[in-house]
Amino acid sequence: MLIAVASKDGKEINQHFGHAERFLIYDVEQGDARLVDEKMVERYCSFDPEHPLRGHLLKGIAEALRGCRAVVTAQMGDHPKGELESLGIEPFVIGGPIKATLVELAKIL
């Protein structure tokens, strides 16, 4: 199964969903997590007071993550969580080493 991860360093799950400019896509199966892709996205949290509505950004991120069963980040707001769930992508807020964490997460998905 494909799982998207927000990470600053490619080793740990350590980035807020809204700050991510890329998501690492892992294929997790049979006790292993293998990096298979990297999706560049526009940051959801732009801190632009002139453009407070960011629904179009969330839709763009969801489109980039199409095919992923879940998204794993260090932090995520309630609005993005709800939107991702409505699109069939399960959001998880977890920290830790990417591969070991995804292998454990896959056991409950």
PDB file of N, CA and C in Angstrom:
ATOM      1  N   MET A   1       0.844  -1.184   0.000  1.00  0.00           N
ATOM      2  CA  MET A   1       0.000   0.000   0.000  1.00  0.00           C
ATOM      3  C   MET A   1       0.884   1.240   0.000  1.00  0.00           C
ATOM      4  N   LEU A   2       0.391   2.302  -0.582  1.00  0.00           N
ATOM      5  CA  LEU A   2       1.151   3.552  -0.634  1.00  0.00           C
ATOM      6  C   LEU A   2       0.767   4.449   0.541  1.00  0.00           C
ATOM      7  N   ILE A   3       1.794   4.996   1.188  1.00  0.00           N
ATOM      8  CA  ILE A   3       1.600   5.923   2.306  1.00  0.00           C
ATOM      9  C   ILE A   3       2.489   7.140   2.071  1.00  0.00           C
ATOM     10  N   ALA A   4       1.907   8.326   2.190  1.00  0.00           N
ATOM     11  CA  ALA A   4       2.644   9.579   2.020  1.00  0.00           C
ATOM     12  C   ALA A   4       3.144  10.065   3.378  1.00  0.00           C
ATOM     13  N   VAL A   5       4.346  10.644   3.379  1.00  0.00           N
ATOM     14  CA  VAL A   5       4.978  11.098   4.621  1.00  0.00           C
ATOM     15  C   VAL A   5       5.485  12.527   4.448  1.00  0.00           C
ATOM     16  N   ALA A   6       5.259  13.354   5.471  1.00  0.00           N
ATOM     17  CA  ALA A   6       5.842  14.695   5.507  1.00  0.00           C
ATOM     18  C   ALA A   6       7.103  14.635   6.366  1.00  0.00           C
ATOM     19  N   SER A   7       8.233  14.947   5.749  1.00  0.00           N
ATOM     20  CA  SER A   7       9.518  14.858   6.451  1.00  0.00           C
ATOM     21  C   SER A   7      10.446  15.955   5.980  1.00  0.00           C
ATOM     22  N   LYS A   8      11.145  16.565   6.921  1.00  0.00           N
ATOM     23  CA  LYS A   8      12.134  17.592   6.581  1.00  0.00           C
ATOM     24  C   LYS A   8      13.439  16.969   6.096  1.00  0.00           C
ATOM     25  N   ASP A   9      13.766  15.790   6.641  1.00  0.00           N
ATOM     26  CA  ASP A   9      15.089  15.219   6.369  1.00  0.00           C
ATOM     27  C   ASP A   9      15.074  13.873   5.654  1.00  0.00           C
ATOM     28  N   GLY A  10      13.894  13.323   5.374  1.00  0.00           N
ATOM     29  CA  GLY A  10      13.806  12.043   4.694  1.00  0.00           C
ATOM     30  C   GLY A  10      14.095  10.844   5.582  1.00  0.00           C
ATOM     31  N   LYS A  11      14.273  11.077   6.876  1.00  0.00           N
ATOM     32  CA  LYS A  11      14.559   9.984   7.809  1.00  0.00           C
ATOM     33  C   LYS A  11      13.483   9.857   8.888  1.00  0.00           C
ATOM     34  N   GLU A  12      13.014  11.003   9.354  1.00  0.00           N
ATOM     35  CA  GLU A  12      12.035  11.053  10.443  1.00  0.00           C
ATOM     36  C   GLU A  12      10.726  11.682   9.952  1.00  0.00           C
ATOM     37  N   ILE A  13       9.636  11.280  10.586  1.00  0.00           N
ATOM     38  CA  ILE A  13       8.353  11.955  10.364  1.00  0.00           C
ATOM     39  C   ILE A  13       8.379  13.164  11.280  1.00  0.00           C
ATOM     40  N   ASN A  14       8.682  14.324  10.720  1.00  0.00           N
ATOM     41  CA  ASN A  14       8.956  15.499  11.557  1.00  0.00           C
ATOM     42  C   ASN A  14       8.488  16.815  10.939  1.00  0.00           C
ATOM     43  N   GLN A  15       7.477  16.741  10.077  1.00  0.00           N
ATOM     44  CA  GLN A  15       7.020  17.978   9.457  1.00  0.00           C
ATOM     45  C   GLN A  15       5.507  18.115   9.567  1.00  0.00           C
ATOM     46  N   HIS A  16       5.068  19.333   9.788  1.00  0.00           N
ATOM     47  CA  HIS A  16       3.652  19.682   9.837  1.00  0.00           C
ATOM     48  C   HIS A  16       3.073  19.571   8.426  1.00  0.00           C
ATOM     49  N   PHE A  17       1.868  19.033   8.322  1.00  0.00           N
ATOM     50  CA  PHE A  17       1.201  18.896   7.025  1.00  0.00           C
ATOM     51  C   PHE A  17       1.210  20.210   6.254  1.00  0.00           C
ATOM     52  N   GLY A  18       0.822  21.292   6.925  1.00  0.00           N
ATOM     53  CA  GLY A  18       0.690  22.578   6.255  1.00  0.00           C
ATOM     54  C   GLY A  18       1.997  23.217   5.831  1.00  0.00           C
ATOM     55  N   HIS A  19       3.118  22.742   6.343  1.00  0.00           N
ATOM     56  CA  HIS A  19       4.418  23.306   5.994  1.00  0.00           C
ATOM     57  C   HIS A  19       5.131  22.506   4.917  1.00  0.00           C
ATOM     58  N   ALA A  20       4.602  21.339   4.592  1.00  0.00           N
ATOM     59  CA  ALA A  20       5.267  20.456   3.627  1.00  0.00           C
ATOM     60  C   ALA A  20       5.191  21.004   2.210  1.00  0.00           C
ATOM     61  N   GLU A  21       6.317  20.990   1.548  1.00  0.00           N
ATOM     62  CA  GLU A  21       6.383  21.350   0.130  1.00  0.00           C
ATOM     63  C   GLU A  21       6.642  20.110  -0.716  1.00  0.00           C
ATOM     64  N   ARG A  22       6.763  18.965  -0.029  1.00  0.00           N
ATOM     65  CA  ARG A  22       6.908  17.679  -0.706  1.00  0.00           C
ATOM     66  C   ARG A  22       6.405  16.587   0.220  1.00  0.00           C
ATOM     67  N   PHE A  23       5.947  15.529  -0.369  1.00  0.00           N
ATOM     68  CA  PHE A  23       5.565  14.337   0.367  1.00  0.00           C
ATOM     69  C   PHE A  23       6.339  13.168  -0.217  1.00  0.00           C
ATOM     70  N   LEU A  24       6.920  12.375   0.659  1.00  0.00           N
ATOM     71  CA  LEU A  24       7.633  11.178   0.249  1.00  0.00           C
ATOM     72  C   LEU A  24       6.611  10.045   0.208  1.00  0.00           C
ATOM     73  N   ILE A  25       6.606   9.301  -0.885  1.00  0.00           N
ATOM     74  CA  ILE A  25       5.634   8.231  -1.059  1.00  0.00           C
ATOM     75  C   ILE A  25       6.343   6.893  -0.876  1.00  0.00           C
ATOM     76  N   TYR A  26       5.863   6.127   0.090  1.00  0.00           N
ATOM     77  CA  TYR A  26       6.437   4.818   0.398  1.00  0.00           C
ATOM     78  C   TYR A  26       5.460   3.718   0.039  1.00  0.00           C
ATOM     79  N   ASP A  27       5.992   2.643  -0.505  1.00  0.00           N
ATOM     80  CA  ASP A  27       5.215   1.432  -0.717  1.00  0.00           C
ATOM     81  C   ASP A  27       5.523   0.533   0.474  1.00  0.00           C
ATOM     82  N   VAL A  28       4.493   0.226   1.250  1.00  0.00           N
ATOM     83  CA  VAL A  28       4.678  -0.556   2.473  1.00  0.00           C
ATOM     84  C   VAL A  28       3.996  -1.900   2.291  1.00  0.00           C
ATOM     85  N   GLU A  29       4.796  -2.956   2.348  1.00  0.00           N
ATOM     86  CA  GLU A  29       4.244  -4.307   2.229  1.00  0.00           C
ATOM     87  C   GLU A  29       5.201  -5.321   2.818  1.00  0.00           C
ATOM     88  N   GLN A  30       4.648  -6.384   3.347  1.00  0.00           N
ATOM     89  CA  GLN A  30       5.399  -7.511   3.887  1.00  0.00           C
ATOM     90  C   GLN A  30       6.532  -7.096   4.833  1.00  0.00           C
ATOM     91  N   GLY A  31       6.225  -6.163   5.725  1.00  0.00           N
ATOM     92  CA  GLY A  31       7.193  -5.763   6.734  1.00  0.00           C
ATOM     93  C   GLY A  31       8.309  -4.869   6.239  1.00  0.00           C
ATOM     94  N   ASP A  32       8.128  -4.237   5.080  1.00  0.00           N
ATOM     95  CA  ASP A  32       9.160  -3.356   4.532  1.00  0.00           C
ATOM     96  C   ASP A  32       8.507  -2.085   3.999  1.00  0.00           C
ATOM     97  N   ALA A  33       9.225  -0.977   4.098  1.00  0.00           N
ATOM     98  CA  ALA A  33       8.777   0.307   3.548  1.00  0.00           C
ATOM     99  C   ALA A  33       9.845   0.791   2.583  1.00  0.00           C
ATOM    100  N   ARG A  34       9.432   0.989   1.315  1.00  0.00           N
ATOM    101  CA  ARG A  34      10.382   1.371   0.274  1.00  0.00           C
ATOM    102  C   ARG A  34       9.941   2.692  -0.357  1.00  0.00           C
ATOM    103  N   LEU A  35      10.855   3.667  -0.415  1.00  0.00           N
ATOM    104  CA  LEU A  35      10.570   4.948  -1.050  1.00  0.00           C
ATOM    105  C   LEU A  35      10.398   4.737  -2.546  1.00  0.00           C
ATOM    106  N   VAL A  36       9.248   5.164  -3.084  1.00  0.00           N
ATOM    107  CA  VAL A  36       8.980   4.951  -4.507  1.00  0.00           C
ATOM    108  C   VAL A  36       8.736   6.242  -5.280  1.00  0.00           C
ATOM    109  N   ASP A  37       8.475   7.357  -4.580  1.00  0.00           N
ATOM    110  CA  ASP A  37       8.181   8.595  -5.294  1.00  0.00           C
ATOM    111  C   ASP A  37       8.300   9.776  -4.340  1.00  0.00           C
ATOM    112  N   GLU A  38       8.330  10.943  -4.911  1.00  0.00           N
ATOM    113  CA  GLU A  38       8.330  12.202  -4.159  1.00  0.00           C
ATOM    114  C   GLU A  38       7.417  13.158  -4.907  1.00  0.00           C
ATOM    115  N   LYS A  39       6.420  13.684  -4.219  1.00  0.00           N
ATOM    116  CA  LYS A  39       5.452  14.591  -4.830  1.00  0.00           C
ATOM    117  C   LYS A  39       5.668  16.000  -4.295  1.00  0.00           C
ATOM    118  N   MET A  40       5.964  16.920  -5.175  1.00  0.00           N
ATOM    119  CA  MET A  40       6.116  18.323  -4.818  1.00  0.00           C
ATOM    120  C   MET A  40       4.725  18.965  -4.791  1.00  0.00           C
ATOM    121  N   VAL A  41       4.463  19.770  -3.765  1.00  0.00           N
ATOM    122  CA  VAL A  41       3.170  20.435  -3.617  1.00  0.00           C
ATOM    123  C   VAL A  41       3.389  21.879  -3.179  1.00  0.00           C
ATOM    124  N   GLU A  42       2.337  22.670  -3.331  1.00  0.00           N
ATOM    125  CA  GLU A  42       2.371  24.028  -2.802  1.00  0.00           C
ATOM    126  C   GLU A  42       1.958  23.968  -1.340  1.00  0.00           C
ATOM    127  N   ARG A  43       2.700  24.665  -0.487  1.00  0.00           N
ATOM    128  CA  ARG A  43       2.409  24.652   0.959  1.00  0.00           C
ATOM    129  C   ARG A  43       0.965  25.007   1.238  1.00  0.00           C
ATOM    130  N   TYR A  44       0.339  24.228   2.114  1.00  0.00           N
ATOM    131  CA  TYR A  44      -1.036  24.522   2.510  1.00  0.00           C
ATOM    132  C   TYR A  44      -1.092  25.767   3.379  1.00  0.00           C
ATOM    133  N   CYS A  45      -0.173  25.921   4.316  1.00  0.00           N
ATOM    134  CA  CYS A  45      -0.118  27.100   5.191  1.00  0.00           C
ATOM    135  C   CYS A  45       0.770  28.152   4.539  1.00  0.00           C
ATOM    136  N   SER A  46       0.124  29.104   3.900  1.00  0.00           N
ATOM    137  CA  SER A  46       0.892  30.121   3.185  1.00  0.00           C
ATOM    138  C   SER A  46       1.076  31.390   4.010  1.00  0.00           C
ATOM    139  N   PHE A  47       0.335  31.537   5.087  1.00  0.00           N
ATOM    140  CA  PHE A  47       0.408  32.738   5.934  1.00  0.00           C
ATOM    141  C   PHE A  47       0.203  34.021   5.126  1.00  0.00           C
ATOM    142  N   ASP A  48      -0.671  33.951   4.129  1.00  0.00           N
ATOM    143  CA  ASP A  48      -0.937  35.098   3.280  1.00  0.00           C
ATOM    144  C   ASP A  48      -2.281  35.702   3.674  1.00  0.00           C
ATOM    145  N   PRO A  49      -2.277  36.842   4.377  1.00  0.00           N
ATOM    146  CA  PRO A  49      -3.538  37.427   4.828  1.00  0.00           C
ATOM    147  C   PRO A  49      -4.433  37.884   3.679  1.00  0.00           C
ATOM    148  N   GLU A  50      -3.857  38.067   2.497  1.00  0.00           N
ATOM    149  CA  GLU A  50      -4.647  38.466   1.331  1.00  0.00           C
ATOM    150  C   GLU A  50      -5.415  37.287   0.737  1.00  0.00           C
ATOM    151  N   HIS A  51      -4.980  36.069   1.049  1.00  0.00           N
ATOM    152  CA  HIS A  51      -5.617  34.872   0.501  1.00  0.00           C
ATOM    153  C   HIS A  51      -5.846  33.843   1.616  1.00  0.00           C
ATOM    154  N   PRO A  52      -6.804  34.133   2.499  1.00  0.00           N
ATOM    155  CA  PRO A  52      -7.011  33.240   3.645  1.00  0.00           C
ATOM    156  C   PRO A  52      -7.646  31.895   3.268  1.00  0.00           C
ATOM    157  N   LEU A  53      -8.337  31.825   2.148  1.00  0.00           N
ATOM    158  CA  LEU A  53      -8.990  30.575   1.753  1.00  0.00           C
ATOM    159  C   LEU A  53      -7.998  29.715   0.989  1.00  0.00           C
ATOM    160  N   ARG A  54      -7.769  28.519   1.508  1.00  0.00           N
ATOM    161  CA  ARG A  54      -6.731  27.680   0.907  1.00  0.00           C
ATOM    162  C   ARG A  54      -7.289  26.348   0.411  1.00  0.00           C
ATOM    163  N   GLY A  55      -8.569  26.284   0.187  1.00  0.00           N
ATOM    164  CA  GLY A  55      -9.182  25.036  -0.264  1.00  0.00           C
ATOM    165  C   GLY A  55      -8.570  24.522  -1.553  1.00  0.00           C
ATOM    166  N   HIS A  56      -8.237  25.434  -2.463  1.00  0.00           N
ATOM    167  CA  HIS A  56      -7.629  25.004  -3.729  1.00  0.00           C
ATOM    168  C   HIS A  56      -6.274  24.345  -3.501  1.00  0.00           C
ATOM    169  N   LEU A  57      -5.539  24.806  -2.485  1.00  0.00           N
ATOM    170  CA  LEU A  57      -4.243  24.191  -2.179  1.00  0.00           C
ATOM    171  C   LEU A  57      -4.432  22.776  -1.645  1.00  0.00           C
ATOM    172  N   LEU A  58      -5.429  22.601  -0.796  1.00  0.00           N
ATOM    173  CA  LEU A  58      -5.705  21.283  -0.235  1.00  0.00           C
ATOM    174  C   LEU A  58      -6.123  20.305  -1.338  1.00  0.00           C
ATOM    175  N   LYS A  59      -6.910  20.787  -2.266  1.00  0.00           N
ATOM    176  CA  LYS A  59      -7.318  19.928  -3.386  1.00  0.00           C
ATOM    177  C   LYS A  59      -6.110  19.531  -4.235  1.00  0.00           C
ATOM    178  N   GLY A  60      -5.185  20.462  -4.436  1.00  0.00           N
ATOM    179  CA  GLY A  60      -3.970  20.158  -5.193  1.00  0.00           C
ATOM    180  C   GLY A  60      -3.111  19.126  -4.485  1.00  0.00           C
ATOM    181  N   ILE A  61      -3.000  19.238  -3.169  1.00  0.00           N
ATOM    182  CA  ILE A  61      -2.227  18.262  -2.395  1.00  0.00           C
ATOM    183  C   ILE A  61      -2.896  16.896  -2.473  1.00  0.00           C
ATOM    184  N   ALA A  62      -4.215  16.870  -2.307  1.00  0.00           N
ATOM    185  CA  ALA A  62      -4.947  15.601  -2.371  1.00  0.00           C
ATOM    186  C   ALA A  62      -4.781  14.955  -3.747  1.00  0.00           C
ATOM    187  N   GLU A  63      -4.783  15.752  -4.781  1.00  0.00           N
ATOM    188  CA  GLU A  63      -4.585  15.224  -6.141  1.00  0.00           C
ATOM    189  C   GLU A  63      -3.190  14.615  -6.275  1.00  0.00           C
ATOM    190  N   ALA A  64      -2.190  15.292  -5.722  1.00  0.00           N
ATOM    191  CA  ALA A  64      -0.817  14.772  -5.780  1.00  0.00           C
ATOM    192  C   ALA A  64      -0.685  13.460  -5.023  1.00  0.00           C
ATOM    193  N   LEU A  65      -1.511  13.274  -3.988  1.00  0.00           N
ATOM    194  CA  LEU A  65      -1.430  12.077  -3.153  1.00  0.00           C
ATOM    195  C   LEU A  65      -2.433  10.999  -3.563  1.00  0.00           C
ATOM    196  N   ARG A  66      -3.055  11.190  -4.700  1.00  0.00           N
ATOM    197  CA  ARG A  66      -4.029  10.205  -5.195  1.00  0.00           C
ATOM    198  C   ARG A  66      -3.378   8.824  -5.242  1.00  0.00           C
ATOM    199  N   GLY A  67      -4.078   7.845  -4.752  1.00  0.00           N
ATOM    200  CA  GLY A  67      -3.562   6.486  -4.731  1.00  0.00           C
ATOM    201  C   GLY A  67      -2.945   6.098  -3.396  1.00  0.00           C
ATOM    202  N   CYS A  68      -2.707   7.085  -2.541  1.00  0.00           N
ATOM    203  CA  CYS A  68      -2.147   6.791  -1.216  1.00  0.00           C
ATOM    204  C   CYS A  68      -3.273   6.394  -0.264  1.00  0.00           C
ATOM    205  N   ARG A  69      -3.021   5.419   0.539  1.00  0.00           N
ATOM    206  CA  ARG A  69      -4.005   4.966   1.526  1.00  0.00           C
ATOM    207  C   ARG A  69      -4.038   5.900   2.726  1.00  0.00           C
ATOM    208  N   ALA A  70      -2.859   6.492   3.053  1.00  0.00           N
ATOM    209  CA  ALA A  70      -2.759   7.325   4.249  1.00  0.00           C
ATOM    210  C   ALA A  70      -1.708   8.407   4.049  1.00  0.00           C
ATOM    211  N   VAL A  71      -1.798   9.431   4.904  1.00  0.00           N
ATOM    212  CA  VAL A  71      -0.791  10.496   4.981  1.00  0.00           C
ATOM    213  C   VAL A  71      -0.349  10.564   6.439  1.00  0.00           C
ATOM    214  N   VAL A  72       0.968  10.587   6.652  1.00  0.00           N
ATOM    215  CA  VAL A  72       1.516  10.607   8.000  1.00  0.00           C
ATOM    216  C   VAL A  72       2.344  11.878   8.160  1.00  0.00           C
ATOM    217  N   THR A  73       2.009  12.672   9.191  1.00  0.00           N
ATOM    218  CA  THR A  73       2.712  13.927   9.448  1.00  0.00           C
ATOM    219  C   THR A  73       2.937  14.091  10.948  1.00  0.00           C
ATOM    220  N   ALA A  74       3.819  15.018  11.304  1.00  0.00           N
ATOM    221  CA  ALA A  74       4.083  15.296  12.714  1.00  0.00           C
ATOM    222  C   ALA A  74       2.945  16.095  13.348  1.00  0.00           C
ATOM    223  N   GLN A  75       2.270  16.921  12.556  1.00  0.00           N
ATOM    224  CA  GLN A  75       1.125  17.712  13.022  1.00  0.00           C
ATOM    225  C   GLN A  75       0.201  17.957  11.836  1.00  0.00           C
ATOM    226  N   MET A  76      -1.097  18.128  12.156  1.00  0.00           N
ATOM    227  CA  MET A  76      -2.070  18.421  11.109  1.00  0.00           C
ATOM    228  C   MET A  76      -3.301  19.039  11.753  1.00  0.00           C
ATOM    229  N   GLY A  77      -3.813  20.076  11.144  1.00  0.00           N
ATOM    230  CA  GLY A  77      -5.017  20.723  11.649  1.00  0.00           C
ATOM    231  C   GLY A  77      -6.267  19.916  11.362  1.00  0.00           C
ATOM    232  N   ASP A  78      -7.348  20.263  12.057  1.00  0.00           N
ATOM    233  CA  ASP A  78      -8.606  19.539  11.906  1.00  0.00           C
ATOM    234  C   ASP A  78      -9.203  19.666  10.504  1.00  0.00           C
ATOM    235  N   HIS A  79      -9.101  20.838   9.894  1.00  0.00           N
ATOM    236  CA  HIS A  79      -9.689  21.019   8.561  1.00  0.00           C
ATOM    237  C   HIS A  79      -9.018  20.115   7.527  1.00  0.00           C
ATOM    238  N   PRO A  80      -7.680  20.116   7.415  1.00  0.00           N
ATOM    239  CA  PRO A  80      -7.063  19.193   6.459  1.00  0.00           C
ATOM    240  C   PRO A  80      -7.372  17.730   6.765  1.00  0.00           C
ATOM    241  N   LYS A  81      -7.424  17.370   8.054  1.00  0.00           N
ATOM    242  CA  LYS A  81      -7.764  15.983   8.412  1.00  0.00           C
ATOM    243  C   LYS A  81      -9.123  15.600   7.842  1.00  0.00           C
ATOM    244  N   GLY A  82     -10.105  16.455   8.077  1.00  0.00           N
ATOM    245  CA  GLY A  82     -11.458  16.176   7.602  1.00  0.00           C
ATOM    246  C   GLY A  82     -11.544  16.103   6.090  1.00  0.00           C
ATOM    247  N   GLU A  83     -10.864  17.005   5.419  1.00  0.00           N
ATOM    248  CA  GLU A  83     -10.882  17.006   3.954  1.00  0.00           C
ATOM    249  C   GLU A  83     -10.227  15.755   3.385  1.00  0.00           C
ATOM    250  N   LEU A  84      -9.089  15.365   3.946  1.00  0.00           N
ATOM    251  CA  LEU A  84      -8.404  14.164   3.469  1.00  0.00           C
ATOM    252  C   LEU A  84      -9.278  12.927   3.695  1.00  0.00           C
ATOM    253  N   GLU A  85      -9.905  12.850   4.859  1.00  0.00           N
ATOM    254  CA  GLU A  85     -10.798  11.723   5.143  1.00  0.00           C
ATOM    255  C   GLU A  85     -11.934  11.655   4.135  1.00  0.00           C
ATOM    256  N   SER A  86     -12.488  12.819   3.769  1.00  0.00           N
ATOM    257  CA  SER A  86     -13.596  12.835   2.806  1.00  0.00           C
ATOM    258  C   SER A  86     -13.146  12.373   1.420  1.00  0.00           C
ATOM    259  N   LEU A  87     -11.841  12.444   1.167  1.00  0.00           N
ATOM    260  CA  LEU A  87     -11.287  11.999  -0.117  1.00  0.00           C
ATOM    261  C   LEU A  87     -10.764  10.565  -0.056  1.00  0.00           C
ATOM    262  N   GLY A  88     -10.952   9.924   1.091  1.00  0.00           N
ATOM    263  CA  GLY A  88     -10.546   8.539   1.220  1.00  0.00           C
ATOM    264  C   GLY A  88      -9.085   8.330   1.602  1.00  0.00           C
ATOM    265  N   ILE A  89      -8.425   9.384   2.067  1.00  0.00           N
ATOM    266  CA  ILE A  89      -7.031   9.291   2.502  1.00  0.00           C
ATOM    267  C   ILE A  89      -7.033   9.412   4.030  1.00  0.00           C
ATOM    268  N   GLU A  90      -6.521   8.400   4.724  1.00  0.00           N
ATOM    269  CA  GLU A  90      -6.524   8.417   6.182  1.00  0.00           C
ATOM    270  C   GLU A  90      -5.360   9.248   6.720  1.00  0.00           C
ATOM    271  N   PRO A  91      -5.635  10.282   7.523  1.00  0.00           N
ATOM    272  CA  PRO A  91      -4.562  11.092   8.107  1.00  0.00           C
ATOM    273  C   PRO A  91      -4.103  10.527   9.453  1.00  0.00           C
ATOM    274  N   PHE A  92      -2.796  10.538   9.656  1.00  0.00           N
ATOM    275  CA  PHE A  92      -2.223  10.104  10.928  1.00  0.00           C
ATOM    276  C   PHE A  92      -1.199  11.130  11.388  1.00  0.00           C
ATOM    277  N   VAL A  93      -1.225  11.446  12.670  1.00  0.00           N
ATOM    278  CA  VAL A  93      -0.237  12.345  13.269  1.00  0.00           C
ATOM    279  C   VAL A  93       0.634  11.489  14.179  1.00  0.00           C
ATOM    280  N   ILE A  94       1.852  11.253  13.716  1.00  0.00           N
ATOM    281  CA  ILE A  94       2.795  10.366  14.403  1.00  0.00           C
ATOM    282  C   ILE A  94       4.197  10.916  14.164  1.00  0.00           C
ATOM    283  N   GLY A  95       5.087  10.731  15.100  1.00  0.00           N
ATOM    284  CA  GLY A  95       6.488  11.058  14.896  1.00  0.00           C
ATOM    285  C   GLY A  95       7.316   9.788  14.946  1.00  0.00           C
ATOM    286  N   GLY A  96       8.565   9.888  14.519  1.00  0.00           N
ATOM    287  CA  GLY A  96       9.470   8.754  14.608  1.00  0.00           C
ATOM    288  C   GLY A  96      10.149   8.452  13.294  1.00  0.00           C
ATOM    289  N   PRO A  97      10.986   7.423  13.286  1.00  0.00           N
ATOM    290  CA  PRO A  97      11.689   7.052  12.063  1.00  0.00           C
ATOM    291  C   PRO A  97      10.687   6.564  11.009  1.00  0.00           C
ATOM    292  N   ILE A  98      10.851   7.015   9.778  1.00  0.00           N
ATOM    293  CA  ILE A  98       9.857   6.750   8.737  1.00  0.00           C
ATOM    294  C   ILE A  98       9.605   5.257   8.536  1.00  0.00           C
ATOM    295  N   LYS A  99      10.635   4.520   8.177  1.00  0.00           N
ATOM    296  CA  LYS A  99      10.410   3.126   7.781  1.00  0.00           C
ATOM    297  C   LYS A  99       9.804   2.286   8.894  1.00  0.00           C
ATOM    298  N   ALA A 100      10.361   2.351  10.088  1.00  0.00           N
ATOM    299  CA  ALA A 100       9.845   1.552  11.206  1.00  0.00           C
ATOM    300  C   ALA A 100       8.402   1.953  11.550  1.00  0.00           C
ATOM    301  N   THR A 101       8.130   3.240  11.518  1.00  0.00           N
ATOM    302  CA  THR A 101       6.786   3.727  11.838  1.00  0.00           C
ATOM    303  C   THR A 101       5.766   3.266  10.797  1.00  0.00           C
ATOM    304  N   LEU A 102       6.139   3.336   9.523  1.00  0.00           N
ATOM    305  CA  LEU A 102       5.200   2.918   8.472  1.00  0.00           C
ATOM    306  C   LEU A 102       4.930   1.424   8.517  1.00  0.00           C
ATOM    307  N   VAL A 103       5.937   0.629   8.814  1.00  0.00           N
ATOM    308  CA  VAL A 103       5.743  -0.814   8.926  1.00  0.00           C
ATOM    309  C   VAL A 103       4.737  -1.121  10.046  1.00  0.00           C
ATOM    310  N   GLU A 104       4.868  -0.432  11.178  1.00  0.00           N
ATOM    311  CA  GLU A 104       3.935  -0.628  12.285  1.00  0.00           C
ATOM    312  C   GLU A 104       2.534  -0.127  11.928  1.00  0.00           C
ATOM    313  N   LEU A 105       2.465   1.024  11.282  1.00  0.00           N
ATOM    314  CA  LEU A 105       1.173   1.593  10.892  1.00  0.00           C
ATOM    315  C   LEU A 105       0.449   0.674   9.912  1.00  0.00           C
ATOM    316  N   ALA A 106       1.170   0.074   9.006  1.00  0.00           N
ATOM    317  CA  ALA A 106       0.566  -0.803   8.010  1.00  0.00           C
ATOM    318  C   ALA A 106      -0.165  -1.987   8.657  1.00  0.00           C
ATOM    319  N   LYS A 107       0.254  -2.365   9.842  1.00  0.00           N
ATOM    320  CA  LYS A 107      -0.373  -3.484  10.531  1.00  0.00           C
ATOM    321  C   LYS A 107      -1.824  -3.193  10.929  1.00  0.00           C
ATOM    322  N   ILE A 108      -2.153  -1.905  11.067  1.00  0.00           N
ATOM    323  CA  ILE A 108      -3.531  -1.559  11.471  1.00  0.00           C
ATOM    324  C   ILE A 108      -4.368  -1.033  10.300  1.00  0.00           C
ATOM    325  N   LEU A 109      -3.756  -0.860   9.161  1.00  0.00           N
ATOM    326  CA  LEU A 109      -4.517  -0.363   7.996  1.00  0.00           C
ATOM    327  C   LEU A 109      -5.116  -1.490   7.187  1.00  0.00           C
TER     328      LEU A 109
END
